Protein backbone atom coordinates (compact mmCIF):
# COMPACT_ATOMS: atom_id res chain seq x y z
CA UNK A 1 16.06 12.30 12.20
CA UNK A 2 13.54 9.79 13.54
CA UNK A 3 13.18 6.89 11.08
CA UNK A 4 10.40 4.33 11.16
CA UNK A 5 11.22 0.83 9.99
CA UNK A 6 9.49 -0.18 6.75
CA UNK A 7 6.16 -1.84 7.46
CA UNK A 8 3.56 -3.69 5.34
CA UNK A 9 0.39 -2.03 4.22
CA UNK A 10 -2.62 -1.87 6.46
CA UNK A 11 -4.17 0.43 9.04
CA UNK A 12 -1.83 1.06 11.93
CA UNK A 13 -2.87 1.79 15.52
CA UNK A 14 -2.53 5.40 16.56
CA UNK A 15 -0.61 6.56 19.59
CA UNK A 16 -2.64 8.52 22.16
CA UNK A 17 -2.21 12.28 22.18
CA UNK A 18 1.01 13.16 23.94
CA UNK A 19 0.22 16.83 24.48
CA UNK A 20 -2.74 18.63 25.98
CA UNK A 21 -4.90 19.88 23.09
CA UNK A 22 -4.58 23.57 22.22
CA UNK A 23 -7.72 25.70 21.86
CA UNK A 24 -7.70 25.03 18.12
CA UNK A 25 -5.48 23.07 15.77
CA UNK A 26 -3.93 24.91 12.82
CA UNK A 27 -5.74 24.66 9.49
CA UNK A 28 -4.24 22.11 7.11
CA UNK A 29 -3.50 23.23 3.53
CA UNK A 30 -3.13 20.33 1.08
CA UNK A 31 -1.35 20.97 -2.25
CA UNK A 32 -1.90 18.57 -5.14
CA UNK A 33 0.68 17.44 -7.64
CA UNK A 34 1.33 17.72 -11.37
CA UNK A 35 -1.57 16.75 -13.68
CA UNK A 36 -3.70 16.39 -10.56
CA UNK A 37 -6.42 18.31 -8.74
CA UNK A 38 -7.55 18.77 -5.11
CA UNK A 39 -9.55 15.54 -5.56
CA UNK A 40 -6.29 13.79 -4.67
CA UNK A 41 -7.04 14.46 -1.02
CA UNK A 42 -10.77 13.67 -0.89
CA UNK A 43 -10.36 10.64 1.36
CA UNK A 44 -7.75 12.16 3.64
CA UNK A 45 -9.73 15.39 4.00
CA UNK A 46 -12.82 13.44 5.02
CA UNK A 47 -10.89 11.74 7.80
CA UNK A 48 -9.14 14.92 8.93
CA UNK A 49 -12.35 16.92 9.11
CA UNK A 50 -14.14 14.13 10.98
CA UNK A 51 -11.28 14.25 13.50
CA UNK A 52 -11.77 17.98 14.06
CA UNK A 53 -9.39 19.66 11.61
CA UNK A 54 -10.15 22.42 9.14
CA UNK A 55 -8.70 21.64 5.71
CA UNK A 56 -8.13 23.65 2.55
CA UNK A 57 -7.09 22.21 -0.81
CA UNK A 58 -6.41 25.02 -3.27
CA UNK A 59 -6.58 24.27 -6.98
CA UNK A 60 -3.47 25.45 -8.83
CA UNK A 61 -4.09 27.86 -11.73
CA UNK A 62 -5.98 26.31 -14.67
CA UNK A 63 -6.18 22.91 -12.93
CA UNK A 64 -9.95 23.25 -12.62
CA UNK A 65 -10.38 23.18 -16.41
CA UNK A 66 -12.13 20.20 -18.01
CA UNK A 67 -9.31 18.06 -19.46
CA UNK A 68 -11.53 17.27 -22.45
CA UNK A 69 -11.20 20.90 -23.50
CA UNK A 70 -8.09 22.21 -25.27
CA UNK A 71 -5.61 23.52 -22.70
CA UNK A 72 -5.19 27.29 -22.41
CA UNK A 73 -1.86 28.19 -24.05
CA UNK A 74 -0.88 30.48 -21.17
CA UNK A 75 -0.78 27.47 -18.83
CA UNK A 76 2.40 26.30 -20.54
CA UNK A 77 4.19 29.54 -19.66
CA UNK A 78 3.43 29.52 -15.92
CA UNK A 79 6.49 28.78 -13.80
CA UNK A 80 7.21 27.59 -10.28
CA UNK A 81 7.25 31.18 -9.08
CA UNK A 82 3.68 31.62 -10.30
CA UNK A 83 2.50 28.51 -8.43
CA UNK A 84 4.35 29.54 -5.27
CA UNK A 85 2.99 33.09 -5.35
CA UNK A 86 -0.54 31.77 -5.86
CA UNK A 87 -0.24 29.46 -2.84
CA UNK A 88 1.33 32.14 -0.63
CA UNK A 89 -1.67 34.37 -1.37
CA UNK A 90 -4.09 31.53 -0.56
CA UNK A 91 -2.39 30.90 2.78
CA UNK A 92 -2.24 34.61 3.62
CA UNK A 93 -6.04 34.65 3.57
CA UNK A 94 -6.26 31.98 6.30
CA UNK A 95 -6.16 32.70 10.05
CA UNK A 96 -2.87 32.16 11.84
CA UNK A 97 -0.08 29.72 10.94
CA UNK A 98 -1.10 26.63 8.99
CA UNK A 99 0.13 23.08 8.50
CA UNK A 100 1.27 22.87 4.88
CA UNK A 101 1.05 19.49 3.16
CA UNK A 102 1.68 18.38 -0.39
CA UNK A 103 1.95 15.33 -2.63
CA UNK A 104 4.57 14.95 -5.37
CA UNK A 105 5.05 18.37 -7.02
CA UNK A 106 2.82 19.61 -4.19
CA UNK A 107 5.46 18.32 -1.77
CA UNK A 108 8.03 20.58 -3.41
CA UNK A 109 5.60 23.49 -3.37
CA UNK A 110 4.80 22.88 0.32
CA UNK A 111 8.49 23.26 1.19
CA UNK A 112 8.90 26.37 -0.96
CA UNK A 113 5.82 28.03 0.52
CA UNK A 114 6.66 27.12 4.12
CA UNK A 115 10.18 28.52 3.66
CA UNK A 116 8.75 31.82 2.43
CA UNK A 117 5.77 32.47 4.69
CA UNK A 118 6.35 30.07 7.58
CA UNK A 119 4.15 27.23 8.79
CA UNK A 120 3.20 25.51 12.02
CA UNK A 121 3.95 22.11 10.52
CA UNK A 122 4.91 20.39 7.27
CA UNK A 123 3.61 17.12 5.78
CA UNK A 124 5.30 15.83 2.62
CA UNK A 125 3.93 12.84 0.71
CA UNK A 126 6.26 11.44 -1.98
CA UNK A 127 7.79 14.91 -2.38
CA UNK A 128 9.36 16.02 -5.63
CA UNK A 129 12.97 17.18 -5.41
CA UNK A 130 14.26 20.65 -4.67
CA UNK A 131 17.55 21.96 -6.02
CA UNK A 132 19.44 20.28 -3.16
CA UNK A 133 17.47 17.04 -2.68
CA UNK A 134 17.52 15.52 -6.15
CA UNK A 135 18.51 11.86 -6.51
CA UNK A 136 19.01 10.95 -10.18
CA UNK A 137 17.26 7.77 -11.32
CA UNK A 138 16.20 6.25 -14.63
CA UNK A 139 12.65 5.60 -13.45
CA UNK A 140 11.49 9.25 -13.65
CA UNK A 141 13.12 9.55 -17.08
CA UNK A 142 11.17 6.53 -18.34
CA UNK A 143 7.96 7.89 -16.81
CA UNK A 144 8.32 11.34 -18.37
CA UNK A 145 9.81 10.28 -21.70
CA UNK A 146 6.58 10.63 -23.66
CA UNK A 147 6.07 14.15 -22.31
CA UNK A 148 9.55 15.56 -22.79
CA UNK A 149 9.97 14.27 -26.35
CA UNK A 150 7.09 16.36 -27.69
CA UNK A 151 7.88 19.47 -29.72
CA UNK A 152 8.53 22.56 -27.55
CA UNK A 153 7.07 20.82 -24.50
CA UNK A 154 8.82 23.27 -22.17
CA UNK A 155 6.68 26.14 -23.48
CA UNK A 156 3.41 24.23 -23.80
CA UNK A 157 0.79 22.62 -21.58
CA UNK A 158 1.67 18.98 -20.92
CA UNK A 159 -0.26 15.81 -20.13
CA UNK A 160 1.22 12.40 -19.40
CA UNK A 161 -0.09 9.49 -21.47
CA UNK A 162 -1.99 6.65 -19.85
CA UNK A 163 0.62 3.93 -20.42
CA UNK A 164 3.44 5.84 -18.77
CA UNK A 165 1.15 7.03 -15.98
CA UNK A 166 0.28 3.40 -15.19
CA UNK A 167 3.94 2.43 -15.14
CA UNK A 168 5.40 5.39 -13.26
CA UNK A 169 2.62 6.91 -11.15
CA UNK A 170 0.13 4.10 -10.54
CA UNK A 171 2.38 1.07 -10.22
CA UNK A 172 1.11 -1.18 -7.39
CA UNK A 173 -2.38 0.33 -7.82
CA UNK A 174 -5.29 -1.87 -9.05
CA UNK A 175 -6.07 -1.27 -12.71
CA UNK A 176 -9.61 -0.01 -12.18
CA UNK A 177 -8.45 2.60 -9.67
CA UNK A 178 -5.56 3.65 -11.89
CA UNK A 179 -7.92 4.05 -14.85
CA UNK A 180 -10.25 6.25 -12.82
CA UNK A 181 -7.39 8.46 -11.64
CA UNK A 182 -5.90 8.77 -15.14
CA UNK A 183 -9.31 9.84 -16.48
CA UNK A 184 -9.17 12.74 -14.01
CA UNK A 185 -5.74 14.01 -15.11
CA UNK A 186 -5.59 17.64 -16.18
CA UNK A 187 -3.12 19.64 -18.26
CA UNK A 188 -0.13 21.17 -16.50
CA UNK A 189 2.67 23.60 -17.28
CA UNK A 190 5.64 22.60 -19.43
CA UNK A 191 7.63 25.45 -17.96
CA UNK A 192 7.07 24.13 -14.43
CA UNK A 193 8.12 20.67 -15.57
CA UNK A 194 11.39 21.87 -17.11
CA UNK A 195 12.15 24.02 -14.07
CA UNK A 196 11.85 20.90 -11.89
CA UNK A 197 13.28 18.27 -14.23
CA UNK A 198 16.07 20.33 -15.86
CA UNK A 199 16.69 23.28 -13.53
CA UNK A 200 20.19 23.85 -14.88
CA UNK A 201 18.65 24.53 -18.29
CA UNK A 202 15.67 26.52 -17.07
CA UNK A 203 17.58 28.84 -14.70
CA UNK A 204 14.76 28.76 -12.12
CA UNK A 205 15.66 30.42 -8.80
CA UNK A 206 12.31 29.27 -7.36
CA UNK A 207 13.56 25.65 -7.48
CA UNK A 208 15.94 26.45 -4.60
CA UNK A 209 14.38 26.08 -1.14
CA UNK A 210 15.98 27.52 2.00
CA UNK A 211 15.74 24.43 4.18
CA UNK A 212 17.30 26.30 7.09
CA UNK A 213 13.93 28.01 7.48
CA UNK A 214 12.07 24.70 7.77
CA UNK A 215 12.44 24.20 11.51
CA UNK A 216 8.80 23.28 12.17
CA UNK A 217 7.73 19.69 12.95
CA UNK A 218 7.70 17.74 9.70
CA UNK A 219 6.41 14.42 8.41
CA UNK A 220 7.71 12.68 5.27
CA UNK A 221 5.95 9.62 3.79
CA UNK A 222 6.97 7.84 0.58
CA UNK A 223 6.43 4.51 -1.14
CA UNK A 224 9.53 2.35 -1.46
CA UNK A 225 8.53 1.51 -5.07
CA UNK A 226 7.92 5.11 -6.20
CA UNK A 227 9.00 5.50 -9.84
CA UNK A 228 8.51 9.23 -10.44
CA UNK A 229 9.69 10.79 -7.16
CA UNK A 230 11.87 7.94 -5.89
CA UNK A 231 12.27 7.29 -2.19
CA UNK A 232 15.87 8.54 -2.37
CA UNK A 233 14.45 12.05 -2.86
CA UNK A 234 12.30 11.71 0.25
CA UNK A 235 15.31 10.49 2.24
CA UNK A 236 17.39 13.46 1.05
CA UNK A 237 14.50 15.77 1.96
CA UNK A 238 14.21 14.30 5.44
CA UNK A 239 17.91 14.86 6.02
CA UNK A 240 17.41 18.57 5.28
CA UNK A 241 14.65 19.02 7.87
CA UNK A 242 15.35 19.94 11.48
CA UNK A 243 12.58 17.91 13.15
CA UNK A 244 11.19 15.07 11.05
CA UNK A 245 9.37 11.76 11.25
CA UNK A 246 10.16 9.64 8.17
CA UNK A 247 8.17 6.67 6.90
CA UNK A 248 9.04 4.57 3.84
CA UNK A 249 6.20 2.20 2.96
CA UNK A 250 7.01 -1.19 1.48
CA UNK A 251 4.96 -2.58 -1.43
CA UNK A 252 3.84 0.96 -2.26
CA UNK A 253 4.42 3.17 -5.30
CA UNK A 254 3.89 6.86 -5.90
CA UNK A 255 0.10 6.92 -5.61
CA UNK A 256 -0.70 6.78 -1.90
CA UNK A 257 -4.40 7.65 -2.13
CA UNK A 258 -6.22 4.36 -2.49
CA UNK A 259 -7.36 1.46 -0.31
CA UNK A 260 -4.91 0.02 2.17
CA UNK A 261 -2.17 2.46 1.16
CA UNK A 262 -4.34 5.43 2.06
CA UNK A 263 -5.39 3.73 5.31
CA UNK A 264 -1.73 3.36 6.23
CA UNK A 265 -0.89 6.96 5.34
CA UNK A 266 -3.90 8.24 7.31
CA UNK A 267 -2.81 6.27 10.36
CA UNK A 268 0.70 7.75 10.14
CA UNK A 269 -0.74 11.24 9.73
CA UNK A 270 -3.04 10.70 12.69
CA UNK A 271 -0.21 9.57 14.94
CA UNK A 272 1.95 12.54 13.93
CA UNK A 273 -0.87 15.04 14.41
CA UNK A 274 -1.79 13.55 17.78
CA UNK A 275 1.70 14.36 19.03
CA UNK A 276 2.15 17.80 17.53
CA UNK A 277 -1.28 19.29 16.76
CA UNK A 278 -4.19 17.48 18.43
CA UNK A 279 -7.50 19.31 17.98
CA UNK A 280 -10.11 19.74 20.74
CA UNK A 281 -12.02 16.53 21.50
CA UNK A 282 -9.32 14.51 19.73
CA UNK A 283 -10.47 11.09 18.55
CA UNK A 284 -7.55 9.34 16.90
CA UNK A 285 -9.75 6.51 15.65
CA UNK A 286 -11.49 8.83 13.21
CA UNK A 287 -8.37 8.95 11.03
CA UNK A 288 -8.35 5.18 10.54
CA UNK A 289 -11.96 4.83 9.43
């Protein structure tokens, strides 16, 4: 496992492409996390597409619903298998193998989908745990406490409250940016949450990922101060992958998609892509702007 030393925030120079560019680079599918939407990846998608990549960011079922509206009751009954099946169908409609990427819960889903349908590459940003990569910590418990103490939360749509989101998801993020992101939160599935947080109680086979099938080039990026999917999970994930570049960012929490943190992540992504999947007319500088 190749491990990068922790480094401070800030744009990092990109290495030149190490391989001759193929006729086309694989499409990149970006999977958002719990209580989130494809808007998570707006900045990264802009950079990727300017650099010559085709990107897709599917919206998980019911995650396009206005959060000001009451949540549909059926959302609470959707499980991991439903999310995985939805994403497999989305990917099946795309040409050729894809690079699958995901943040947080999306990082778990990216692994599950890639293990089922294959992928050219895998990018995991602060990935949530699988059945074999969990690393127990009090921080996620504190973050989720207000959600999992509600009546019958495991059968209902869930939404994290602003105070716990600030503490556990947007720590190290400026308050104005955190407030904007929290305002965009949407309802998610209580069943999915229990299948990930308490799999022994939920009896969820979909929580188990066959890591032996994940032999494609992989990238794992996590903040050292992550309080909802702690860095120990990302380290355990990296150890399960056959060919991985691992980056643990100092002074960074769970939310990677703002300011200097996003610049740093984009630079890491650009360097990794330049080695494994450079597009025609590759211009590495476009991923740092």
